[in-house]
Amino acid sequence: MSSAHSPADFYDALAPMFDVMTDWDARLSIEGPFLRDQLEAAGARRVLDFACGSGGHALWLAERGYAVVGVDISPAMIRLAQQKAQARGVNATFAVIGPDETLAGLGEPFDAVICLGNSLPHLLTQAALVAALRQMAHLLRPDGVLILQNLNYDLRWQRQPRWFAAQGGELDGRSVLVWRFADYDVPAGRIYFHVALFRQAGRDWAVEVHTTPQRPLFRADLLAALAEAGFERDRAFGRMALPAEPFDAGKSADLVMVARRPARH
């Protein structure tokens, strides 16, 4: 059993099983049309996928003609995304970005930046959140669109669910199982998110448990950070799906935020 506390180490450990625990076909059949609808409304063709993970959204967009760059702090996730792009013959660029690096050298500004899959709660302070959003703003063209997808922590922090559904599959010819659960430290304002990785070993199972801290990202904190980072015209949705539903703090599963970098005057 082992644990990993930095997001990079956590997702490096998770990478081999990430696509086992993610039904990309089902997920993209729901999220893809919403994402494409928002990008088309913004006239976006050049897209940066910030915290791209194993590249599911980036590859889906690239296959539909978007010019896509995906970046992530996990080298193992980036290798996985690159392998998938090569296997599918998809023209998309993937690169590792360290926690303190700036994304210089990516060429002209992007029409859109997306940051999906509940990535921002790994930023443990409001200052770190503002800094990340400022970096995203810097990478956008004037009037470019930002699309963020995170869990609805206004609701989750109240209910504090501990156990989540397990996903099973096969990896390298062996049965595997991924089981997620969480602990809540209310005084510290932290969630400790755990992933148990089970691999079949003969008649037995080997298990590793990896843990990463998260900061519950409430809508008010995200709105304040977006404003401080220079974004405007925000809209909040309760899910990445069509028809679009407005965000309801008391019942939405997700908080999906769409904002824009102001146009130059």
Protein backbone atom coordinates (compact mmCIF):
# COMPACT_ATOMS: atom_id res chain seq x y z
CA MET A 1 0.00 0.00 0.00
CA SER A 2 1.32 3.47 -0.83
CA SER A 3 0.12 7.04 -0.89
CA ALA A 4 0.85 10.02 -3.08
CA HIS A 5 0.07 13.51 -1.91
CA SER A 6 1.06 15.80 -4.77
CA PRO A 7 -1.35 15.94 -7.73
CA ALA A 8 1.45 14.96 -10.14
CA ASP A 9 2.37 11.85 -8.14
CA PHE A 10 -1.29 11.01 -7.56
CA TYR A 11 -2.16 11.05 -11.27
CA ASP A 12 1.08 9.33 -12.28
CA ALA A 13 0.03 6.44 -10.05
CA LEU A 14 -3.54 6.52 -11.37
CA ALA A 15 -2.61 6.79 -15.07
CA PRO A 16 -2.40 3.06 -15.91
CA MET A 17 -5.99 2.56 -14.77
CA PHE A 18 -7.43 5.95 -15.67
CA ASP A 19 -9.14 4.77 -18.83
CA VAL A 20 -10.45 1.71 -17.00
CA MET A 21 -12.30 3.98 -14.56
CA THR A 22 -13.52 6.35 -17.30
CA ASP A 23 -16.08 5.23 -19.87
CA TRP A 24 -14.99 7.77 -22.47
CA ASP A 25 -17.55 6.74 -25.10
CA ALA A 26 -20.43 7.26 -22.68
CA ARG A 27 -18.94 10.40 -21.17
CA LEU A 28 -18.20 12.12 -24.46
CA SER A 29 -21.59 11.23 -25.91
CA ILE A 30 -23.02 13.46 -23.15
CA GLU A 31 -20.32 16.10 -22.67
CA GLY A 32 -19.08 16.43 -26.25
CA PRO A 33 -22.17 18.12 -27.75
CA PHE A 34 -22.28 20.66 -24.88
CA LEU A 35 -18.59 21.42 -25.27
CA ARG A 36 -18.85 21.78 -29.03
CA ASP A 37 -21.91 24.02 -28.66
CA GLN A 38 -20.00 26.40 -26.38
CA LEU A 39 -16.93 26.45 -28.63
CA GLU A 40 -18.97 27.12 -31.76
CA ALA A 41 -20.83 29.94 -30.03
CA ALA A 42 -17.45 31.52 -29.27
CA GLY A 43 -16.09 30.96 -32.78
CA ALA A 44 -13.29 28.87 -31.28
CA ARG A 45 -11.05 26.62 -33.37
CA ARG A 46 -7.75 26.65 -31.43
CA VAL A 47 -8.23 25.07 -28.00
CA LEU A 48 -5.98 24.53 -24.98
CA ASP A 49 -7.00 21.65 -22.71
CA PHE A 50 -5.55 22.61 -19.32
CA ALA A 51 -5.16 19.54 -17.02
CA CYS A 52 -5.98 17.27 -19.97
CA GLY A 53 -5.35 13.97 -18.16
CA SER A 54 -5.26 11.06 -20.58
CA GLY A 55 -6.51 13.29 -23.39
CA GLY A 56 -10.12 12.17 -23.77
CA HIS A 57 -11.63 15.59 -24.45
CA ALA A 58 -8.62 16.85 -26.41
CA LEU A 59 -8.64 13.86 -28.77
CA TRP A 60 -12.41 14.08 -29.25
CA LEU A 61 -12.05 17.73 -30.29
CA ALA A 62 -9.04 17.08 -32.52
CA GLU A 63 -10.96 14.36 -34.37
CA ARG A 64 -13.59 16.99 -35.15
CA GLY A 65 -11.18 19.45 -36.69
CA TYR A 66 -10.12 21.60 -33.74
CA ALA A 67 -6.46 22.52 -33.30
CA VAL A 68 -5.82 21.20 -29.80
CA VAL A 69 -2.96 21.40 -27.31
CA GLY A 70 -3.27 19.42 -24.06
CA VAL A 71 -1.11 20.04 -20.98
CA ASP A 72 -0.97 18.29 -17.61
CA ILE A 73 1.33 18.09 -14.59
CA SER A 74 1.42 14.28 -14.79
CA PRO A 75 4.08 12.90 -17.17
CA ALA A 76 2.37 9.49 -17.10
CA MET A 77 -0.94 10.99 -18.19
CA ILE A 78 0.74 12.89 -21.01
CA ARG A 79 2.47 9.72 -22.21
CA LEU A 80 -0.88 7.97 -22.23
CA ALA A 81 -2.49 10.80 -24.22
CA GLN A 82 0.36 10.77 -26.74
CA GLN A 83 0.10 6.99 -27.17
CA LYS A 84 -3.63 7.26 -27.77
CA ALA A 85 -3.17 10.07 -30.29
CA GLN A 86 -0.57 8.04 -32.20
CA ALA A 87 -2.68 4.87 -32.14
CA ARG A 88 -5.72 6.74 -33.47
CA GLY A 89 -3.79 8.86 -35.98
CA VAL A 90 -4.98 12.07 -34.33
CA ASN A 91 -3.09 15.34 -34.78
CA ALA A 92 -2.97 16.81 -31.27
CA THR A 93 -0.08 18.16 -29.20
CA PHE A 94 0.48 17.13 -25.57
CA ALA A 95 3.04 18.48 -23.10
CA VAL A 96 3.92 18.27 -19.41
CA ILE A 97 3.57 21.50 -17.45
CA GLY A 98 5.11 21.83 -13.99
CA PRO A 99 3.20 23.51 -11.13
CA ASP A 100 5.36 26.63 -11.24
CA GLU A 101 5.89 26.86 -15.00
CA THR A 102 4.37 29.31 -17.42
CA LEU A 103 3.10 28.06 -20.75
CA ALA A 104 5.39 30.05 -22.97
CA GLY A 105 6.18 28.83 -26.46
CA LEU A 106 2.73 27.52 -27.36
CA GLY A 107 2.35 29.91 -30.27
CA GLU A 108 -0.45 32.36 -30.87
CA PRO A 109 -3.19 32.86 -28.27
CA PHE A 110 -5.96 30.28 -28.01
CA ASP A 111 -9.59 30.88 -28.88
CA ALA A 112 -10.64 28.75 -25.91
CA VAL A 113 -9.18 27.23 -22.77
CA ILE A 114 -10.94 24.28 -21.17
CA CYS A 115 -10.20 22.85 -17.71
CA LEU A 116 -12.46 19.88 -17.04
CA GLY A 117 -12.77 16.87 -14.78
CA ASN A 118 -12.66 18.57 -11.34
CA SER A 119 -9.05 19.72 -11.65
CA LEU A 120 -9.17 23.09 -9.88
CA PRO A 121 -9.83 21.71 -6.34
CA HIS A 122 -6.21 20.52 -6.36
CA LEU A 123 -5.26 24.21 -5.94
CA LEU A 124 -5.30 24.50 -2.16
CA THR A 125 -5.48 28.28 -1.74
CA GLN A 126 -7.46 31.09 -3.28
CA ALA A 127 -4.20 32.74 -4.36
CA ALA A 128 -3.16 29.59 -6.27
CA LEU A 129 -6.57 29.48 -7.96
CA VAL A 130 -6.31 33.13 -9.03
CA ALA A 131 -2.78 32.56 -10.34
CA ALA A 132 -3.92 29.59 -12.46
CA LEU A 133 -6.86 31.52 -13.87
CA ARG A 134 -4.61 34.48 -14.69
CA GLN A 135 -2.35 32.12 -16.61
CA MET A 136 -5.36 30.84 -18.55
CA ALA A 137 -6.44 34.42 -19.28
CA HIS A 138 -2.96 35.23 -20.56
CA LEU A 139 -3.19 32.33 -23.02
CA LEU A 140 -6.54 33.44 -24.44
CA ARG A 141 -7.13 35.85 -27.27
CA PRO A 142 -9.25 38.89 -26.43
CA ASP A 143 -12.87 37.74 -26.13
CA GLY A 144 -11.66 34.13 -25.85
CA VAL A 145 -13.78 31.67 -23.89
CA LEU A 146 -12.92 29.74 -20.72
CA ILE A 147 -14.87 26.57 -19.84
CA LEU A 148 -14.44 25.04 -16.38
CA GLN A 149 -16.02 21.85 -15.03
CA ASN A 150 -15.87 20.94 -11.35
CA LEU A 151 -18.06 19.14 -8.86
CA ASN A 152 -20.74 21.10 -7.04
CA TYR A 153 -18.98 21.56 -3.71
CA ASP A 154 -21.73 23.84 -2.39
CA LEU A 155 -23.78 20.62 -2.20
CA ARG A 156 -21.03 18.04 -1.65
CA TRP A 157 -19.57 19.86 1.35
CA GLN A 158 -22.99 19.69 3.01
CA ARG A 159 -23.66 16.01 2.26
CA GLN A 160 -20.07 14.75 2.50
CA PRO A 161 -20.51 11.48 0.61
CA ARG A 162 -17.71 9.06 1.48
CA TRP A 163 -18.02 6.09 -0.90
CA PHE A 164 -18.32 6.23 -4.68
CA ALA A 165 -19.06 3.59 -7.30
CA ALA A 166 -16.29 1.18 -8.22
CA GLN A 167 -15.22 0.63 -11.84
CA GLY A 168 -13.77 -2.61 -13.11
CA GLY A 169 -12.07 -3.75 -16.28
CA GLU A 170 -9.01 -5.45 -17.69
CA LEU A 171 -5.45 -4.17 -17.96
CA ASP A 172 -2.54 -6.14 -19.44
CA GLY A 173 -4.64 -9.29 -19.35
CA ARG A 174 -5.50 -9.01 -15.66
CA SER A 175 -8.71 -7.97 -13.94
CA VAL A 176 -8.51 -4.56 -12.25
CA LEU A 177 -10.81 -2.53 -10.05
CA VAL A 178 -10.80 1.15 -9.12
CA TRP A 179 -12.63 2.30 -5.98
CA ARG A 180 -12.84 5.94 -4.91
CA PHE A 181 -13.67 7.33 -1.48
CA ALA A 182 -13.16 10.54 0.49
CA ASP A 183 -12.60 11.94 3.99
CA TYR A 184 -13.63 15.45 5.01
CA ASP A 185 -11.61 17.68 7.35
CA VAL A 186 -14.10 20.44 8.08
CA PRO A 187 -11.89 22.59 10.40
CA ALA A 188 -9.08 22.60 7.81
CA GLY A 189 -11.43 23.05 4.85
CA ARG A 190 -9.93 20.02 3.10
CA ILE A 191 -11.10 16.87 1.39
CA TYR A 192 -8.75 13.88 1.26
CA PHE A 193 -9.60 12.03 -1.93
CA HIS A 194 -8.50 8.39 -2.07
CA VAL A 195 -8.31 5.96 -4.96
CA ALA A 196 -7.83 2.25 -4.26
CA LEU A 197 -6.30 0.39 -7.22
CA PHE A 198 -6.90 -3.38 -7.17
CA ARG A 199 -4.99 -5.71 -9.52
CA GLN A 200 -5.66 -9.42 -9.72
CA ALA A 201 -2.58 -11.49 -8.86
CA GLY A 202 -3.39 -15.15 -9.32
CA ARG A 203 -6.13 -16.01 -6.85
CA ASP A 204 -5.37 -12.93 -4.77
CA TRP A 205 -5.63 -9.18 -5.28
CA ALA A 206 -2.90 -6.60 -4.82
CA VAL A 207 -4.09 -3.16 -3.74
CA GLU A 208 -2.56 0.31 -3.62
CA VAL A 209 -4.30 3.31 -2.06
CA HIS A 210 -3.30 6.78 -3.24
CA THR A 211 -4.44 10.01 -1.62
CA THR A 212 -4.45 13.65 -2.63
CA PRO A 213 -5.77 16.70 -0.75
CA GLN A 214 -8.42 18.91 -2.32
CA ARG A 215 -9.94 22.26 -1.45
CA PRO A 216 -13.74 22.38 -1.79
CA LEU A 217 -14.31 24.89 -4.56
CA PHE A 218 -17.49 26.82 -3.84
CA ARG A 219 -19.20 28.89 -6.52
CA ALA A 220 -18.60 32.16 -4.62
CA ASP A 221 -14.84 31.48 -4.43
CA LEU A 222 -14.66 30.59 -8.12
CA LEU A 223 -16.60 33.71 -9.14
CA ALA A 224 -14.33 35.90 -7.02
CA ALA A 225 -11.21 34.29 -8.52
CA LEU A 226 -12.52 34.69 -12.08
CA ALA A 227 -13.19 38.38 -11.47
CA GLU A 228 -9.74 38.90 -9.92
CA ALA A 229 -8.13 37.13 -12.89
CA GLY A 230 -9.89 39.50 -15.29
CA PHE A 231 -12.72 37.34 -16.67
CA GLU A 232 -16.25 38.56 -17.29
CA ARG A 233 -19.68 37.50 -18.58
CA ASP A 234 -19.79 34.30 -16.59
CA ARG A 235 -22.56 31.72 -16.94
CA ALA A 236 -23.02 28.76 -14.63
CA PHE A 237 -24.50 25.42 -15.65
CA GLY A 238 -25.34 22.37 -13.57
CA ARG A 239 -23.92 19.79 -15.98
CA MET A 240 -21.97 19.43 -19.22
CA ALA A 241 -24.90 18.23 -21.28
CA LEU A 242 -27.60 19.42 -23.65
CA PRO A 243 -30.13 20.81 -23.10
CA ALA A 244 -28.12 23.20 -20.93
CA GLU A 245 -29.35 23.47 -17.35
CA PRO A 246 -28.67 26.44 -15.06
CA PHE A 247 -26.59 25.75 -11.96
CA ASP A 248 -28.58 25.03 -8.80
CA ALA A 249 -26.39 24.93 -5.69
CA GLY A 250 -28.92 22.71 -3.94
CA LYS A 251 -29.15 19.91 -6.50
CA SER A 252 -26.70 20.18 -9.44
CA ALA A 253 -24.02 17.49 -9.60
CA ASP A 254 -21.49 19.79 -11.28
CA LEU A 255 -20.54 23.43 -11.49
CA VAL A 256 -19.76 24.26 -15.13
CA MET A 257 -18.59 27.84 -15.60
CA VAL A 258 -18.27 29.63 -18.94
CA ALA A 259 -16.48 32.99 -18.88
CA ARG A 260 -14.67 35.26 -21.32
CA ARG A 261 -11.53 37.30 -21.39
CA PRO A 262 -12.63 40.88 -22.13
CA ALA A 263 -12.06 42.19 -25.63
CA ARG A 264 -9.58 45.01 -25.98
CA HIS A 265 -11.09 48.47 -26.27
